[in-house]
Amino acid sequence: MVRSNQAQSVGTDRDSTTLLIDADIHQRWADDEAIVKYLPERYQDDGIVAPELLYRNPGGFLRQDEIPENGGKPGSDIDKIVTDHLDKHDIDYGMFTGNSWFNLAALPNRDYAHELARAHNEWLVNECLTADDRFLGSMYVAPKAPEKGAELIREYGDHPQIRQVMLPGGAEVPYGRPQYWPLYEAAEEMNLAIAIHPFSEGHGTSNPPTGAGHPNSYIEWHTLLGTYYMGQLASIVTEGVFVEYPDLRLALIEGGYGWLPHFMWRLDKNWKGLRSQVPWLEEKPSHYIRKNVWFASQPIEEPENPEHHDQILDMMHADEILIFASDYPHWDGDDPMWGLPPMDEEMERAVMFENAMELWDLPADPAELN
């Protein structure tokens, strides 16, 4: 299927010069065989074994109004995503982020995790991206096999619709460690962003999802996802990843953003007194964040006073680094037309498409990708 010229925006006054890019669309396979058939024969009998999220959401994780006609899970019918999401909201680009319970960093067997990553990428290229030229793809790698992951990045990274490499939020050790650097080298070489997204943090061999240990309930886990992102970002910045790879672009998706001003202030303050520990940082840490890191809008911050949200946007330099994300079809997703609070025209253009175009180095017309 290719994009329909009849797509109309709803509930919006966007003019013809305003694009819309969605940074977080969760597609999933209808059944495990869609992935298993791409596995090496030695693993096909194992099927898909990946840590599931243990924290139960009493209302479920997926929107029930997006169940396909065949009764499958929401997100498993790619054509339905096209009509119910891309066409309905006149989305110019939509980034596939995949099944968020597929944590390849939490598997103990790095070879099996690597083969699962390859199988996912084959499914993505052959059965997802072909549905519509507006779709962009997040390829997977196994963080425990960084050298092999770098090979995958070079193998799949020249596909015109693949624009980023996905890493789970939780891992054995923070992502700034040099053991991961082959992934960053390959991503920079292939002009791909690195993305971090929640994937059943605290399960398998990944660390607890909070600094205090394992939560008791879903509300704790979900509320504290931002703390995981703080840990990963502090590691990536202070270990000098952006010094070694100055053109690397990093997207933090579904981890919130209200914590960012405090995080940058605190990191900059500590750097002033402790820069002897990180002599490779020639600029204050916030410089690298503003230059190399983007943040997705969902889950959006909702203070009681709307003016406070405007202040957050100003303090974090949202006009440079915030991108829109719907998290479709998850339970707490944001509608592309109504999910963001009112913004001035310049900020809205930056968040709705300009920042994402820079992050993924996109042409204005999806037809130019191929």
Foldseek 3Di string as FASTA:
>chain_A
DEDDPPQDAPLADDDPVFAFEAEEAAAEAQDQCLLLVQFPPVCSVVTQDAAFQPFDDVVDWFDPVQQDPVRTGRRNDLVSCCVVPCRHHVHQAYEHPYDQQRALQQAPDQVRSQRSLVSVLVSCVPPHCVPYLRYAYAGEGRQVCQVSRLVVCQVNLLQLRHAAYEHELWHLDACLDPSNLSNQVSCLVSNHAYEYEHHSAPDHNTAAQDPVGHDDHPVVSLVSNLVSVLVNLVSNQQSCSCLVRVSHAYEYEQNEQLCPLVSLVVQQVVCVVPVVSRVSPPDGSLVSCLRHYAYEQPVPDDDPDVVVSVVSCVSSVLLRHYAYHQNPGTPSGARSNPRDDDDPPSSCSSHRPVNVCVRRVDDPHSVVSD
